[in-house]
Amino acid sequence: MELMKYVEKYNYLKIEMEKSGTMYGLSDPRTIKYSQELDLLLNKVMKIRYLGIKGRKKQPV
């Protein structure tokens, strides 16, 4: 499954970001780097997971 290959990287980035935020603060470049990498990874996952939604039209209510 394509989503499962991102789980390990997600867990790693999340832990590193939390450690960096605790040690250096939220505005430190190291913490920001982990946060940006995590955001990019989550965007990839959401595109994979909801790929079919892009082409759908809204149903009239």
PDB file of N, CA and C in Angstrom:
ATOM      1  N   MET A   1       0.841  -1.174   0.000  1.00  0.00           N
ATOM      2  CA  MET A   1       0.000   0.000   0.000  1.00  0.00           C
ATOM      3  C   MET A   1       0.890   1.243   0.000  1.00  0.00           C
ATOM      4  N   GLU A   2       0.535   2.184  -0.848  1.00  0.00           N
ATOM      5  CA  GLU A   2       1.386   3.357  -1.017  1.00  0.00           C
ATOM      6  C   GLU A   2       1.423   4.249   0.227  1.00  0.00           C
ATOM      7  N   LEU A   3       0.326   4.321   0.936  1.00  0.00           N
ATOM      8  CA  LEU A   3       0.283   5.157   2.142  1.00  0.00           C
ATOM      9  C   LEU A   3       1.210   4.645   3.239  1.00  0.00           C
ATOM     10  N   MET A   4       1.360   3.340   3.319  1.00  0.00           N
ATOM     11  CA  MET A   4       2.145   2.753   4.410  1.00  0.00           C
ATOM     12  C   MET A   4       3.632   3.096   4.320  1.00  0.00           C
ATOM     13  N   LYS A   5       4.129   3.367   3.128  1.00  0.00           N
ATOM     14  CA  LYS A   5       5.554   3.684   3.019  1.00  0.00           C
ATOM     15  C   LYS A   5       5.888   5.048   3.618  1.00  0.00           C
ATOM     16  N   TYR A   6       4.876   5.882   3.823  1.00  0.00           N
ATOM     17  CA  TYR A   6       5.102   7.197   4.415  1.00  0.00           C
ATOM     18  C   TYR A   6       4.977   7.203   5.938  1.00  0.00           C
ATOM     19  N   VAL A   7       4.448   6.152   6.518  1.00  0.00           N
ATOM     20  CA  VAL A   7       4.212   6.118   7.965  1.00  0.00           C
ATOM     21  C   VAL A   7       5.519   6.238   8.749  1.00  0.00           C
ATOM     22  N   GLU A   8       6.536   5.506   8.355  1.00  0.00           N
ATOM     23  CA  GLU A   8       7.813   5.544   9.068  1.00  0.00           C
ATOM     24  C   GLU A   8       8.441   6.935   9.002  1.00  0.00           C
ATOM     25  N   LYS A   9       8.417   7.533   7.823  1.00  0.00           N
ATOM     26  CA  LYS A   9       8.977   8.877   7.671  1.00  0.00           C
ATOM     27  C   LYS A   9       8.170   9.893   8.477  1.00  0.00           C
ATOM     28  N   TYR A  10       6.846   9.751   8.485  1.00  0.00           N
ATOM     29  CA  TYR A  10       5.985  10.644   9.264  1.00  0.00           C
ATOM     30  C   TYR A  10       6.330  10.562  10.751  1.00  0.00           C
ATOM     31  N   ASN A  11       6.431   9.348  11.264  1.00  0.00           N
ATOM     32  CA  ASN A  11       6.749   9.162  12.686  1.00  0.00           C
ATOM     33  C   ASN A  11       8.108   9.765  13.039  1.00  0.00           C
ATOM     34  N   TYR A  12       9.092   9.550  12.171  1.00  0.00           N
ATOM     35  CA  TYR A  12      10.425  10.106  12.403  1.00  0.00           C
ATOM     36  C   TYR A  12      10.379  11.635  12.451  1.00  0.00           C
ATOM     37  N   LEU A  13       9.750  12.242  11.440  1.00  0.00           N
ATOM     38  CA  LEU A  13       9.696  13.704  11.385  1.00  0.00           C
ATOM     39  C   LEU A  13       8.926  14.292  12.563  1.00  0.00           C
ATOM     40  N   LYS A  14       7.862  13.636  12.952  1.00  0.00           N
ATOM     41  CA  LYS A  14       7.050  14.122  14.069  1.00  0.00           C
ATOM     42  C   LYS A  14       7.859  14.120  15.365  1.00  0.00           C
ATOM     43  N   ILE A  15       8.558  13.026  15.628  1.00  0.00           N
ATOM     44  CA  ILE A  15       9.369  12.921  16.843  1.00  0.00           C
ATOM     45  C   ILE A  15      10.500  13.946  16.828  1.00  0.00           C
ATOM     46  N   GLU A  16      11.188  14.066  15.691  1.00  0.00           N
ATOM     47  CA  GLU A  16      12.295  15.018  15.599  1.00  0.00           C
ATOM     48  C   GLU A  16      11.807  16.456  15.755  1.00  0.00           C
ATOM     49  N   MET A  17      10.654  16.777  15.185  1.00  0.00           N
ATOM     50  CA  MET A  17      10.110  18.124  15.308  1.00  0.00           C
ATOM     51  C   MET A  17       9.749  18.428  16.763  1.00  0.00           C
ATOM     52  N   GLU A  18       9.142  17.465  17.447  1.00  0.00           N
ATOM     53  CA  GLU A  18       8.789  17.664  18.855  1.00  0.00           C
ATOM     54  C   GLU A  18      10.037  17.839  19.725  1.00  0.00           C
ATOM     55  N   LYS A  19      11.063  17.018  19.481  1.00  0.00           N
ATOM     56  CA  LYS A  19      12.310  17.149  20.243  1.00  0.00           C
ATOM     57  C   LYS A  19      12.966  18.502  19.980  1.00  0.00           C
ATOM     58  N   SER A  20      13.018  18.891  18.720  1.00  0.00           N
ATOM     59  CA  SER A  20      13.642  20.154  18.348  1.00  0.00           C
ATOM     60  C   SER A  20      12.879  21.337  18.935  1.00  0.00           C
ATOM     61  N   GLY A  21      11.560  21.268  18.909  1.00  0.00           N
ATOM     62  CA  GLY A  21      10.748  22.338  19.483  1.00  0.00           C
ATOM     63  C   GLY A  21      10.964  22.475  20.976  1.00  0.00           C
ATOM     64  N   THR A  22      11.120  21.357  21.662  1.00  0.00           N
ATOM     65  CA  THR A  22      11.352  21.378  23.108  1.00  0.00           C
ATOM     66  C   THR A  22      12.753  21.895  23.438  1.00  0.00           C
ATOM     67  N   MET A  23      13.740  21.461  22.661  1.00  0.00           N
ATOM     68  CA  MET A  23      15.126  21.830  22.953  1.00  0.00           C
ATOM     69  C   MET A  23      15.480  23.248  22.506  1.00  0.00           C
ATOM     70  N   TYR A  24      15.015  23.632  21.318  1.00  0.00           N
ATOM     71  CA  TYR A  24      15.476  24.882  20.721  1.00  0.00           C
ATOM     72  C   TYR A  24      14.394  25.952  20.595  1.00  0.00           C
ATOM     73  N   GLY A  25      13.144  25.574  20.722  1.00  0.00           N
ATOM     74  CA  GLY A  25      12.054  26.536  20.561  1.00  0.00           C
ATOM     75  C   GLY A  25      11.403  26.406  19.189  1.00  0.00           C
ATOM     76  N   LEU A  26      10.209  26.932  19.076  1.00  0.00           N
ATOM     77  CA  LEU A  26       9.439  26.756  17.848  1.00  0.00           C
ATOM     78  C   LEU A  26       9.935  27.604  16.683  1.00  0.00           C
ATOM     79  N   SER A  27      10.650  28.684  16.960  1.00  0.00           N
ATOM     80  CA  SER A  27      11.103  29.559  15.874  1.00  0.00           C
ATOM     81  C   SER A  27      12.532  29.257  15.421  1.00  0.00           C
ATOM     82  N   ASP A  28      13.129  28.211  15.946  1.00  0.00           N
ATOM     83  CA  ASP A  28      14.479  27.820  15.545  1.00  0.00           C
ATOM     84  C   ASP A  28      14.452  27.214  14.142  1.00  0.00           C
ATOM     85  N   PRO A  29      15.462  27.513  13.320  1.00  0.00           N
ATOM     86  CA  PRO A  29      15.497  26.973  11.950  1.00  0.00           C
ATOM     87  C   PRO A  29      15.431  25.442  11.873  1.00  0.00           C
ATOM     88  N   ARG A  30      15.993  24.755  12.856  1.00  0.00           N
ATOM     89  CA  ARG A  30      15.941  23.281  12.850  1.00  0.00           C
ATOM     90  C   ARG A  30      14.512  22.790  13.015  1.00  0.00           C
ATOM     91  N   THR A  31      13.778  23.421  13.919  1.00  0.00           N
ATOM     92  CA  THR A  31      12.385  23.041  14.144  1.00  0.00           C
ATOM     93  C   THR A  31      11.544  23.371  12.919  1.00  0.00           C
ATOM     94  N   ILE A  32      11.791  24.523  12.333  1.00  0.00           N
ATOM     95  CA  ILE A  32      11.043  24.941  11.145  1.00  0.00           C
ATOM     96  C   ILE A  32      11.300  23.983   9.990  1.00  0.00           C
ATOM     97  N   LYS A  33      12.553  23.522   9.855  1.00  0.00           N
ATOM     98  CA  LYS A  33      12.895  22.574   8.784  1.00  0.00           C
ATOM     99  C   LYS A  33      12.093  21.281   8.922  1.00  0.00           C
ATOM    100  N   TYR A  34      12.033  20.741  10.147  1.00  0.00           N
ATOM    101  CA  TYR A  34      11.255  19.519  10.368  1.00  0.00           C
ATOM    102  C   TYR A  34       9.771  19.762  10.108  1.00  0.00           C
ATOM    103  N   SER A  35       9.287  20.908  10.519  1.00  0.00           N
ATOM    104  CA  SER A  35       7.881  21.244  10.318  1.00  0.00           C
ATOM    105  C   SER A  35       7.545  21.328   8.829  1.00  0.00           C
ATOM    106  N   GLN A  36       8.415  21.948   8.050  1.00  0.00           N
ATOM    107  CA  GLN A  36       8.189  22.063   6.610  1.00  0.00           C
ATOM    108  C   GLN A  36       8.228  20.699   5.932  1.00  0.00           C
ATOM    109  N   GLU A  37       9.174  19.855   6.327  1.00  0.00           N
ATOM    110  CA  GLU A  37       9.252  18.510   5.755  1.00  0.00           C
ATOM    111  C   GLU A  37       7.999  17.702   6.091  1.00  0.00           C
ATOM    112  N   LEU A  38       7.513  17.858   7.320  1.00  0.00           N
ATOM    113  CA  LEU A  38       6.297  17.165   7.737  1.00  0.00           C
ATOM    114  C   LEU A  38       5.093  17.665   6.939  1.00  0.00           C
ATOM    115  N   ASP A  39       5.004  18.969   6.715  1.00  0.00           N
ATOM    116  CA  ASP A  39       3.916  19.531   5.910  1.00  0.00           C
ATOM    117  C   ASP A  39       3.932  18.977   4.488  1.00  0.00           C
ATOM    118  N   LEU A  40       5.111  18.918   3.879  1.00  0.00           N
ATOM    119  CA  LEU A  40       5.222  18.389   2.518  1.00  0.00           C
ATOM    120  C   LEU A  40       4.804  16.924   2.455  1.00  0.00           C
ATOM    121  N   LEU A  41       5.220  16.157   3.448  1.00  0.00           N
ATOM    122  CA  LEU A  41       4.853  14.744   3.497  1.00  0.00           C
ATOM    123  C   LEU A  41       3.341  14.581   3.643  1.00  0.00           C
ATOM    124  N   LEU A  42       2.732  15.367   4.534  1.00  0.00           N
ATOM    125  CA  LEU A  42       1.281  15.281   4.727  1.00  0.00           C
ATOM    126  C   LEU A  42       0.524  15.694   3.469  1.00  0.00           C
ATOM    127  N   ASN A  43       1.023  16.685   2.746  1.00  0.00           N
ATOM    128  CA  ASN A  43       0.388  17.074   1.488  1.00  0.00           C
ATOM    129  C   ASN A  43       0.432  15.935   0.475  1.00  0.00           C
ATOM    130  N   LYS A  44       1.564  15.233   0.391  1.00  0.00           N
ATOM    131  CA  LYS A  44       1.674  14.076  -0.504  1.00  0.00           C
ATOM    132  C   LYS A  44       0.662  13.000  -0.134  1.00  0.00           C
ATOM    133  N   VAL A  45       0.574  12.707   1.156  1.00  0.00           N
ATOM    134  CA  VAL A  45      -0.331  11.660   1.629  1.00  0.00           C
ATOM    135  C   VAL A  45      -1.776  12.030   1.326  1.00  0.00           C
ATOM    136  N   MET A  46      -2.144  13.267   1.558  1.00  0.00           N
ATOM    137  CA  MET A  46      -3.521  13.690   1.309  1.00  0.00           C
ATOM    138  C   MET A  46      -3.853  13.627  -0.181  1.00  0.00           C
ATOM    139  N   LYS A  47      -2.904  13.957  -1.041  1.00  0.00           N
ATOM    140  CA  LYS A  47      -3.137  13.860  -2.486  1.00  0.00           C
ATOM    141  C   LYS A  47      -3.333  12.410  -2.904  1.00  0.00           C
ATOM    142  N   ILE A  48      -2.562  11.511  -2.323  1.00  0.00           N
ATOM    143  CA  ILE A  48      -2.703  10.087  -2.642  1.00  0.00           C
ATOM    144  C   ILE A  48      -4.039   9.568  -2.132  1.00  0.00           C
ATOM    145  N   ARG A  49      -4.381   9.931  -0.925  1.00  0.00           N
ATOM    146  CA  ARG A  49      -5.575   9.385  -0.294  1.00  0.00           C
ATOM    147  C   ARG A  49      -6.854   9.897  -0.940  1.00  0.00           C
ATOM    148  N   TYR A  50      -6.877  11.156  -1.326  1.00  0.00           N
ATOM    149  CA  TYR A  50      -8.096  11.766  -1.852  1.00  0.00           C
ATOM    150  C   TYR A  50      -7.971  12.113  -3.331  1.00  0.00           C
ATOM    151  N   LEU A  51      -7.268  11.307  -4.058  1.00  0.00           N
ATOM    152  CA  LEU A  51      -7.044  11.544  -5.475  1.00  0.00           C
ATOM    153  C   LEU A  51      -8.347  11.617  -6.260  1.00  0.00           C
ATOM    154  N   GLY A  52      -9.320  10.789  -5.922  1.00  0.00           N
ATOM    155  CA  GLY A  52     -10.576  10.741  -6.658  1.00  0.00           C
ATOM    156  C   GLY A  52     -11.489  11.922  -6.424  1.00  0.00           C
ATOM    157  N   ILE A  53     -11.295  12.666  -5.378  1.00  0.00           N
ATOM    158  CA  ILE A  53     -12.176  13.789  -5.057  1.00  0.00           C
ATOM    159  C   ILE A  53     -11.984  14.935  -6.032  1.00  0.00           C
ATOM    160  N   LYS A  54     -10.803  15.096  -6.558  1.00  0.00           N
ATOM    161  CA  LYS A  54     -10.473  16.211  -7.433  1.00  0.00           C
ATOM    162  C   LYS A  54     -11.406  16.299  -8.641  1.00  0.00           C
ATOM    163  N   GLY A  55     -11.742  15.176  -9.240  1.00  0.00           N
ATOM    164  CA  GLY A  55     -12.548  15.172 -10.447  1.00  0.00           C
ATOM    165  C   GLY A  55     -14.048  15.126 -10.222  1.00  0.00           C
ATOM    166  N   ARG A  56     -14.485  14.993  -9.008  1.00  0.00           N
ATOM    167  CA  ARG A  56     -15.915  14.888  -8.718  1.00  0.00           C
ATOM    168  C   ARG A  56     -16.589  16.250  -8.741  1.00  0.00           C
ATOM    169  N   LYS A  57     -17.846  16.233  -9.147  1.00  0.00           N
ATOM    170  CA  LYS A  57     -18.648  17.451  -9.110  1.00  0.00           C
ATOM    171  C   LYS A  57     -19.532  17.397  -7.880  1.00  0.00           C
ATOM    172  N   LYS A  58     -19.862  18.575  -7.370  1.00  0.00           N
ATOM    173  CA  LYS A  58     -20.746  18.628  -6.207  1.00  0.00           C
ATOM    174  C   LYS A  58     -22.153  18.244  -6.622  1.00  0.00           C
ATOM    175  N   GLN A  59     -22.797  17.483  -5.775  1.00  0.00           N
ATOM    176  CA  GLN A  59     -24.179  17.080  -6.011  1.00  0.00           C
ATOM    177  C   GLN A  59     -25.109  18.211  -5.591  1.00  0.00           C
ATOM    178  N   PRO A  60     -26.121  18.536  -6.403  1.00  0.00           N
ATOM    179  CA  PRO A  60     -27.066  19.574  -5.992  1.00  0.00           C
ATOM    180  C   PRO A  60     -27.858  19.124  -4.773  1.00  0.00           C
ATOM    181  N   VAL A  61     -28.141  20.063  -3.912  1.00  0.00           N
ATOM    182  CA  VAL A  61     -28.839  19.745  -2.660  1.00  0.00           C
ATOM    183  C   VAL A  61     -30.318  19.774  -2.846  1.00  0.00           C
TER     184      VAL A  61
END
